[in-house]
């Protein structure tokens, strides 16, 4: 079990950090088989800050590794990060990514059967908005 309470799961010989990531992998396989996307790949790595030295101390590079890279039929690409919830570290990495790679589309998604599409997937920001609205209605 991870520090965030998710359990690793293996599908097709690939180990995913959570059940939701594995389910999104299965969803992408379905979209590809139906011809709705061209292809996808797992965990591309983007450098946010290169390694450097300061006052004799070495600092490792900082990277951001979203869960999937989707190649759409129109030639566009989209990075997908499957989230159960956000963390301060995740939010900071996303902000650094958005700054350094302004032309690369990054989407955080979550699985939520109440608000998501027919498979349960919803944009993470949209889910947060719907949850806030739902609390107001109570």
N, C-alpha and C. Protein backbone atom coordinates (compact mmCIF):
# COMPACT_ATOMS: atom_id res chain seq x y z
N UNK A 1 0.84 -1.19 0.00
CA UNK A 1 0.00 0.00 0.00
C UNK A 1 0.88 1.25 0.00
N UNK A 2 0.52 2.23 -0.81
CA UNK A 2 1.31 3.46 -0.89
C UNK A 2 1.02 4.36 0.29
N UNK A 3 1.77 5.46 0.35
CA UNK A 3 1.55 6.41 1.45
C UNK A 3 0.20 7.12 1.33
N UNK A 4 -0.43 7.03 0.14
CA UNK A 4 -1.73 7.66 -0.06
C UNK A 4 -2.87 6.66 0.03
N UNK A 5 -2.58 5.41 0.44
CA UNK A 5 -3.62 4.43 0.65
C UNK A 5 -4.00 3.62 -0.56
N UNK A 6 -3.34 3.84 -1.69
CA UNK A 6 -3.67 3.06 -2.89
C UNK A 6 -2.77 1.83 -2.96
N UNK A 7 -3.31 0.78 -3.56
CA UNK A 7 -2.56 -0.45 -3.71
C UNK A 7 -2.09 -0.60 -5.14
N UNK A 8 -0.85 -1.06 -5.30
CA UNK A 8 -0.32 -1.32 -6.64
C UNK A 8 -1.08 -2.50 -7.23
N UNK A 9 -1.24 -2.46 -8.56
CA UNK A 9 -1.95 -3.52 -9.26
C UNK A 9 -1.24 -3.77 -10.59
N UNK A 10 -1.18 -5.02 -11.01
CA UNK A 10 -0.50 -5.38 -12.25
C UNK A 10 -1.52 -5.83 -13.29
N UNK A 11 -1.43 -5.22 -14.47
CA UNK A 11 -2.28 -5.57 -15.61
C UNK A 11 -1.38 -5.69 -16.83
N UNK A 12 -1.51 -6.76 -17.58
CA UNK A 12 -0.69 -6.99 -18.78
C UNK A 12 0.80 -6.92 -18.46
N UNK A 13 1.19 -7.33 -17.27
CA UNK A 13 2.59 -7.30 -16.88
C UNK A 13 3.10 -5.92 -16.49
N UNK A 14 2.21 -4.93 -16.44
CA UNK A 14 2.57 -3.56 -16.09
C UNK A 14 2.04 -3.28 -14.68
N UNK A 15 2.90 -2.77 -13.81
CA UNK A 15 2.48 -2.45 -12.45
C UNK A 15 2.07 -0.98 -12.38
N UNK A 16 0.86 -0.76 -11.93
CA UNK A 16 0.31 0.59 -11.79
C UNK A 16 0.27 0.96 -10.32
N UNK A 17 0.35 2.25 -10.03
CA UNK A 17 0.35 2.73 -8.65
C UNK A 17 -1.01 2.65 -7.97
N UNK A 18 -2.07 2.54 -8.78
CA UNK A 18 -3.41 2.47 -8.19
C UNK A 18 -4.36 1.70 -9.10
N UNK A 19 -5.46 1.29 -8.51
CA UNK A 19 -6.52 0.60 -9.26
C UNK A 19 -7.08 1.53 -10.34
N UNK A 20 -7.24 2.81 -10.02
CA UNK A 20 -7.79 3.75 -11.00
C UNK A 20 -6.86 3.93 -12.20
N UNK A 21 -5.54 3.97 -11.97
CA UNK A 21 -4.60 4.06 -13.09
C UNK A 21 -4.73 2.84 -13.99
N UNK A 22 -4.84 1.67 -13.39
CA UNK A 22 -4.99 0.44 -14.17
C UNK A 22 -6.30 0.46 -14.95
N UNK A 23 -7.36 0.98 -14.34
CA UNK A 23 -8.64 1.07 -15.02
C UNK A 23 -8.57 2.06 -16.19
N UNK A 24 -7.83 3.15 -16.02
CA UNK A 24 -7.71 4.10 -17.12
C UNK A 24 -6.89 3.50 -18.26
N UNK A 25 -5.89 2.69 -17.93
CA UNK A 25 -5.12 1.96 -18.94
C UNK A 25 -6.07 1.06 -19.76
N UNK A 26 -6.95 0.34 -19.09
CA UNK A 26 -7.93 -0.51 -19.77
C UNK A 26 -8.86 0.34 -20.64
N UNK A 27 -9.25 1.51 -20.14
CA UNK A 27 -10.11 2.43 -20.89
C UNK A 27 -9.40 2.90 -22.16
N UNK A 28 -8.11 3.25 -22.04
CA UNK A 28 -7.36 3.68 -23.23
C UNK A 28 -7.21 2.55 -24.25
N UNK A 29 -7.02 1.33 -23.77
CA UNK A 29 -6.96 0.19 -24.69
C UNK A 29 -8.27 0.05 -25.46
N UNK A 30 -9.39 0.26 -24.76
CA UNK A 30 -10.71 0.21 -25.40
C UNK A 30 -10.85 1.32 -26.45
N UNK A 31 -10.46 2.54 -26.09
CA UNK A 31 -10.54 3.65 -27.05
C UNK A 31 -9.69 3.39 -28.29
N UNK A 32 -8.51 2.82 -28.09
CA UNK A 32 -7.64 2.50 -29.22
C UNK A 32 -8.26 1.42 -30.09
N UNK A 33 -8.81 0.38 -29.48
CA UNK A 33 -9.44 -0.71 -30.22
C UNK A 33 -10.65 -0.21 -31.02
N UNK A 34 -11.37 0.77 -30.47
CA UNK A 34 -12.54 1.33 -31.16
C UNK A 34 -12.13 2.37 -32.20
N UNK A 35 -10.84 2.68 -32.29
CA UNK A 35 -10.37 3.67 -33.25
C UNK A 35 -10.64 5.10 -32.84
N UNK A 36 -10.85 5.34 -31.55
CA UNK A 36 -11.14 6.69 -31.06
C UNK A 36 -9.89 7.48 -30.69
N UNK A 37 -8.77 6.78 -30.51
CA UNK A 37 -7.47 7.43 -30.35
C UNK A 37 -6.47 6.67 -31.22
N UNK A 38 -5.39 7.35 -31.58
CA UNK A 38 -4.35 6.72 -32.40
C UNK A 38 -3.54 5.73 -31.57
N UNK A 39 -3.06 6.19 -30.40
CA UNK A 39 -2.21 5.35 -29.55
C UNK A 39 -2.03 6.05 -28.21
N UNK A 40 -1.29 5.40 -27.31
CA UNK A 40 -0.95 6.02 -26.03
C UNK A 40 0.32 5.37 -25.52
N UNK A 41 0.97 6.05 -24.60
CA UNK A 41 2.14 5.48 -23.93
C UNK A 41 2.05 5.77 -22.45
N UNK A 42 2.87 5.04 -21.70
CA UNK A 42 2.85 5.14 -20.25
C UNK A 42 3.99 5.99 -19.71
N UNK A 43 3.68 6.79 -18.74
CA UNK A 43 4.61 7.55 -17.91
C UNK A 43 5.78 8.22 -18.63
N UNK A 44 5.47 9.16 -19.53
CA UNK A 44 6.56 9.96 -20.11
C UNK A 44 7.15 10.86 -19.02
N UNK A 45 8.43 11.15 -19.12
CA UNK A 45 9.10 11.95 -18.09
C UNK A 45 9.42 13.33 -18.66
N UNK A 46 9.08 14.37 -17.90
CA UNK A 46 9.36 15.75 -18.28
C UNK A 46 10.23 16.38 -17.21
N UNK A 47 11.32 16.98 -17.63
CA UNK A 47 12.21 17.64 -16.68
C UNK A 47 11.67 19.01 -16.33
N UNK A 48 11.55 19.28 -15.04
CA UNK A 48 11.09 20.58 -14.57
C UNK A 48 12.26 21.47 -14.19
N UNK A 49 13.22 20.90 -13.48
CA UNK A 49 14.42 21.63 -13.07
C UNK A 49 15.61 20.71 -13.30
N UNK A 50 16.62 21.16 -14.07
CA UNK A 50 17.78 20.29 -14.29
C UNK A 50 18.62 20.16 -13.02
N UNK A 51 19.48 19.15 -12.98
CA UNK A 51 20.37 19.02 -11.82
C UNK A 51 21.30 20.23 -11.80
N UNK A 52 21.71 20.61 -10.61
CA UNK A 52 22.59 21.78 -10.48
C UNK A 52 23.38 21.69 -9.18
N UNK A 53 24.39 22.56 -9.09
CA UNK A 53 25.19 22.66 -7.87
C UNK A 53 25.10 24.08 -7.34
N UNK A 54 25.10 24.19 -6.02
CA UNK A 54 25.08 25.50 -5.38
C UNK A 54 25.89 25.38 -4.09
N UNK A 55 26.86 26.24 -3.95
CA UNK A 55 27.73 26.25 -2.77
C UNK A 55 28.29 24.85 -2.48
N UNK A 56 28.68 24.16 -3.55
CA UNK A 56 29.29 22.85 -3.41
C UNK A 56 28.31 21.70 -3.17
N UNK A 57 27.03 22.02 -3.04
CA UNK A 57 26.03 20.97 -2.83
C UNK A 57 25.36 20.65 -4.16
N UNK A 58 25.23 19.35 -4.45
CA UNK A 58 24.58 18.90 -5.68
C UNK A 58 23.10 18.66 -5.44
N UNK A 59 22.29 19.11 -6.39
CA UNK A 59 20.85 18.92 -6.34
C UNK A 59 20.43 18.06 -7.53
N UNK A 60 19.61 17.04 -7.27
CA UNK A 60 19.12 16.20 -8.35
C UNK A 60 18.09 16.95 -9.18
N UNK A 61 17.91 16.51 -10.40
CA UNK A 61 16.89 17.14 -11.24
C UNK A 61 15.50 16.84 -10.69
N UNK A 62 14.56 17.70 -11.01
CA UNK A 62 13.17 17.51 -10.61
C UNK A 62 12.37 17.20 -11.86
N UNK A 63 11.58 16.13 -11.81
CA UNK A 63 10.81 15.73 -12.98
C UNK A 63 9.32 15.64 -12.65
N UNK A 64 8.54 15.60 -13.70
CA UNK A 64 7.10 15.35 -13.59
C UNK A 64 6.79 14.19 -14.51
N UNK A 65 6.12 13.17 -13.99
CA UNK A 65 5.82 11.98 -14.76
C UNK A 65 4.32 11.74 -14.73
N UNK A 66 3.59 12.26 -15.71
CA UNK A 66 2.16 11.97 -15.78
C UNK A 66 1.95 10.48 -16.10
N UNK A 67 0.75 10.01 -15.91
CA UNK A 67 0.49 8.58 -16.08
C UNK A 67 0.45 8.14 -17.55
N UNK A 68 -0.09 8.98 -18.43
CA UNK A 68 -0.28 8.57 -19.82
C UNK A 68 -0.05 9.74 -20.78
N UNK A 69 0.38 9.39 -21.99
CA UNK A 69 0.44 10.33 -23.10
C UNK A 69 -0.45 9.76 -24.19
N UNK A 70 -1.48 10.50 -24.56
CA UNK A 70 -2.43 10.05 -25.58
C UNK A 70 -2.13 10.75 -26.90
N UNK A 71 -2.10 9.97 -27.97
CA UNK A 71 -1.97 10.49 -29.33
C UNK A 71 -3.37 10.45 -29.94
N UNK A 72 -3.96 11.64 -30.13
CA UNK A 72 -5.31 11.73 -30.67
C UNK A 72 -5.31 11.59 -32.19
N UNK A 73 -6.47 11.29 -32.75
CA UNK A 73 -6.59 11.08 -34.19
C UNK A 73 -6.26 12.32 -35.01
N UNK A 74 -6.46 13.50 -34.44
CA UNK A 74 -6.19 14.75 -35.16
C UNK A 74 -4.72 15.16 -35.10
N UNK A 75 -3.88 14.29 -34.51
CA UNK A 75 -2.45 14.58 -34.42
C UNK A 75 -2.04 15.27 -33.13
N UNK A 76 -3.01 15.71 -32.34
CA UNK A 76 -2.69 16.37 -31.08
C UNK A 76 -2.29 15.34 -30.03
N UNK A 77 -1.65 15.82 -28.99
CA UNK A 77 -1.23 14.96 -27.89
C UNK A 77 -1.78 15.54 -26.59
N UNK A 78 -2.03 14.65 -25.64
CA UNK A 78 -2.55 15.07 -24.35
C UNK A 78 -1.96 14.19 -23.25
N UNK A 79 -1.46 14.83 -22.22
CA UNK A 79 -0.97 14.11 -21.05
C UNK A 79 -2.11 13.95 -20.07
N UNK A 80 -2.19 12.76 -19.47
CA UNK A 80 -3.24 12.47 -18.50
C UNK A 80 -2.58 12.04 -17.20
N UNK A 81 -3.02 12.63 -16.10
CA UNK A 81 -2.59 12.20 -14.78
C UNK A 81 -3.84 11.81 -14.01
N UNK A 82 -3.91 10.56 -13.58
CA UNK A 82 -5.07 10.05 -12.85
C UNK A 82 -4.88 10.39 -11.37
N UNK A 83 -5.86 11.09 -10.81
CA UNK A 83 -5.77 11.55 -9.42
C UNK A 83 -6.92 11.02 -8.58
N UNK A 84 -6.60 10.57 -7.38
CA UNK A 84 -7.62 10.27 -6.38
C UNK A 84 -7.92 11.55 -5.62
N UNK A 85 -6.85 12.30 -5.37
CA UNK A 85 -6.92 13.61 -4.73
C UNK A 85 -5.60 14.31 -5.02
N UNK A 86 -5.57 15.61 -4.81
CA UNK A 86 -4.32 16.34 -5.09
C UNK A 86 -3.54 16.54 -3.79
N UNK A 87 -2.24 16.72 -3.96
CA UNK A 87 -1.36 17.03 -2.83
C UNK A 87 -0.67 18.35 -3.13
N UNK A 88 -0.11 18.95 -2.12
CA UNK A 88 0.61 20.21 -2.32
C UNK A 88 1.78 20.00 -3.27
N UNK A 89 2.49 18.88 -3.13
CA UNK A 89 3.62 18.58 -4.01
C UNK A 89 3.13 18.39 -5.46
N UNK A 90 2.02 17.70 -5.63
CA UNK A 90 1.47 17.49 -6.96
C UNK A 90 1.04 18.79 -7.60
N UNK A 91 0.40 19.65 -6.83
CA UNK A 91 -0.03 20.95 -7.34
C UNK A 91 1.17 21.79 -7.78
N UNK A 92 2.26 21.76 -6.99
CA UNK A 92 3.46 22.52 -7.34
C UNK A 92 4.08 21.98 -8.63
N UNK A 93 4.20 20.66 -8.74
CA UNK A 93 4.76 20.07 -9.96
C UNK A 93 3.91 20.42 -11.18
N UNK A 94 2.61 20.39 -11.01
CA UNK A 94 1.72 20.75 -12.12
C UNK A 94 1.95 22.21 -12.53
N UNK A 95 2.07 23.08 -11.55
CA UNK A 95 2.29 24.51 -11.83
C UNK A 95 3.63 24.71 -12.56
N UNK A 96 4.68 24.03 -12.09
CA UNK A 96 5.98 24.12 -12.78
C UNK A 96 5.89 23.57 -14.19
N UNK A 97 5.18 22.45 -14.36
CA UNK A 97 5.00 21.87 -15.69
C UNK A 97 4.29 22.85 -16.61
N UNK A 98 3.18 23.42 -16.14
CA UNK A 98 2.41 24.35 -16.97
C UNK A 98 3.26 25.56 -17.39
N UNK A 99 4.14 26.00 -16.51
CA UNK A 99 5.03 27.13 -16.82
C UNK A 99 6.07 26.73 -17.86
N UNK A 100 6.71 25.59 -17.65
CA UNK A 100 7.81 25.18 -18.53
C UNK A 100 7.34 24.64 -19.87
N UNK A 101 6.17 24.03 -19.92
CA UNK A 101 5.65 23.42 -21.15
C UNK A 101 4.28 24.01 -21.49
N UNK A 102 4.23 25.30 -21.83
CA UNK A 102 2.93 25.95 -22.05
C UNK A 102 2.14 25.39 -23.24
N UNK A 103 2.82 24.75 -24.18
CA UNK A 103 2.13 24.24 -25.37
C UNK A 103 1.71 22.78 -25.25
N UNK A 104 1.97 22.15 -24.11
CA UNK A 104 1.62 20.74 -23.92
C UNK A 104 0.37 20.67 -23.05
N UNK A 105 -0.64 19.97 -23.54
CA UNK A 105 -1.90 19.86 -22.80
C UNK A 105 -1.78 18.79 -21.71
N UNK A 106 -2.05 19.19 -20.48
CA UNK A 106 -2.02 18.30 -19.33
C UNK A 106 -3.40 18.31 -18.69
N UNK A 107 -3.97 17.12 -18.52
CA UNK A 107 -5.29 17.00 -17.91
C UNK A 107 -5.21 16.07 -16.72
N UNK A 108 -5.69 16.55 -15.58
CA UNK A 108 -5.83 15.69 -14.41
C UNK A 108 -7.24 15.13 -14.45
N UNK A 109 -7.37 13.81 -14.29
CA UNK A 109 -8.69 13.20 -14.28
C UNK A 109 -8.86 12.36 -13.02
N UNK A 110 -10.11 12.06 -12.72
CA UNK A 110 -10.43 11.22 -11.57
C UNK A 110 -11.56 10.29 -11.99
N UNK A 111 -11.73 9.24 -11.22
CA UNK A 111 -12.84 8.32 -11.45
C UNK A 111 -13.89 8.58 -10.39
N UNK A 112 -15.10 8.90 -10.85
CA UNK A 112 -16.20 9.19 -9.94
C UNK A 112 -17.49 8.75 -10.62
N UNK A 113 -18.12 7.73 -10.07
CA UNK A 113 -19.31 7.16 -10.71
C UNK A 113 -20.50 8.11 -10.67
N UNK A 114 -20.54 9.00 -9.69
CA UNK A 114 -21.67 9.93 -9.57
C UNK A 114 -21.62 11.03 -10.64
N UNK A 115 -20.43 11.58 -10.86
CA UNK A 115 -20.32 12.73 -11.76
C UNK A 115 -19.62 12.44 -13.09
N UNK A 116 -18.93 11.32 -13.21
CA UNK A 116 -18.12 11.04 -14.39
C UNK A 116 -18.93 10.59 -15.59
N UNK A 117 -18.22 10.31 -16.68
CA UNK A 117 -18.86 9.84 -17.91
C UNK A 117 -19.34 8.40 -17.71
N UNK A 118 -19.73 7.74 -18.78
CA UNK A 118 -20.27 6.38 -18.66
C UNK A 118 -19.28 5.39 -18.05
N UNK A 119 -17.99 5.72 -18.10
CA UNK A 119 -16.96 4.87 -17.50
C UNK A 119 -16.50 5.41 -16.13
N UNK A 120 -17.04 6.56 -15.73
CA UNK A 120 -16.72 7.14 -14.45
C UNK A 120 -15.64 8.21 -14.49
N UNK A 121 -15.09 8.54 -15.67
CA UNK A 121 -13.98 9.49 -15.75
C UNK A 121 -14.48 10.91 -15.87
N UNK A 122 -13.81 11.80 -15.13
CA UNK A 122 -14.17 13.22 -15.14
C UNK A 122 -12.90 14.05 -14.93
N UNK A 123 -12.87 15.22 -15.54
CA UNK A 123 -11.77 16.16 -15.32
C UNK A 123 -11.72 16.48 -13.82
N UNK A 124 -10.53 16.43 -13.24
CA UNK A 124 -10.37 16.59 -11.79
C UNK A 124 -10.89 17.95 -11.30
N UNK A 125 -10.61 19.01 -12.06
CA UNK A 125 -11.08 20.35 -11.65
C UNK A 125 -12.60 20.41 -11.69
N UNK A 126 -13.19 19.77 -12.70
CA UNK A 126 -14.65 19.73 -12.81
C UNK A 126 -15.26 18.97 -11.62
N UNK A 127 -14.61 17.88 -11.22
CA UNK A 127 -15.08 17.10 -10.07
C UNK A 127 -15.03 17.95 -8.80
N UNK A 128 -13.94 18.68 -8.59
CA UNK A 128 -13.85 19.55 -7.40
C UNK A 128 -14.98 20.58 -7.41
N UNK A 129 -15.26 21.14 -8.59
CA UNK A 129 -16.32 22.14 -8.71
C UNK A 129 -17.68 21.52 -8.38
N UNK A 130 -17.95 20.34 -8.90
CA UNK A 130 -19.24 19.68 -8.64
C UNK A 130 -19.38 19.32 -7.16
N UNK A 131 -18.28 18.91 -6.54
CA UNK A 131 -18.34 18.59 -5.12
C UNK A 131 -18.63 19.83 -4.28
N UNK A 132 -18.02 20.97 -4.66
CA UNK A 132 -18.28 22.23 -3.95
C UNK A 132 -19.75 22.62 -4.09
N UNK A 133 -20.27 22.50 -5.32
CA UNK A 133 -21.67 22.85 -5.57
C UNK A 133 -22.60 21.93 -4.78
N UNK A 134 -22.24 20.67 -4.69
CA UNK A 134 -23.06 19.70 -3.97
C UNK A 134 -23.11 20.05 -2.47
N UNK A 135 -22.00 20.53 -1.92
CA UNK A 135 -21.98 20.91 -0.50
C UNK A 135 -22.87 22.14 -0.25
N UNK A 136 -22.92 23.05 -1.25
CA UNK A 136 -23.74 24.24 -1.11
C UNK A 136 -25.23 23.88 -1.07
N UNK A 137 -25.60 22.83 -1.81
CA UNK A 137 -27.00 22.42 -1.91
C UNK A 137 -27.53 21.75 -0.65
N UNK A 138 -26.63 21.34 0.22
CA UNK A 138 -27.06 20.61 1.42
C UNK A 138 -27.55 21.54 2.50
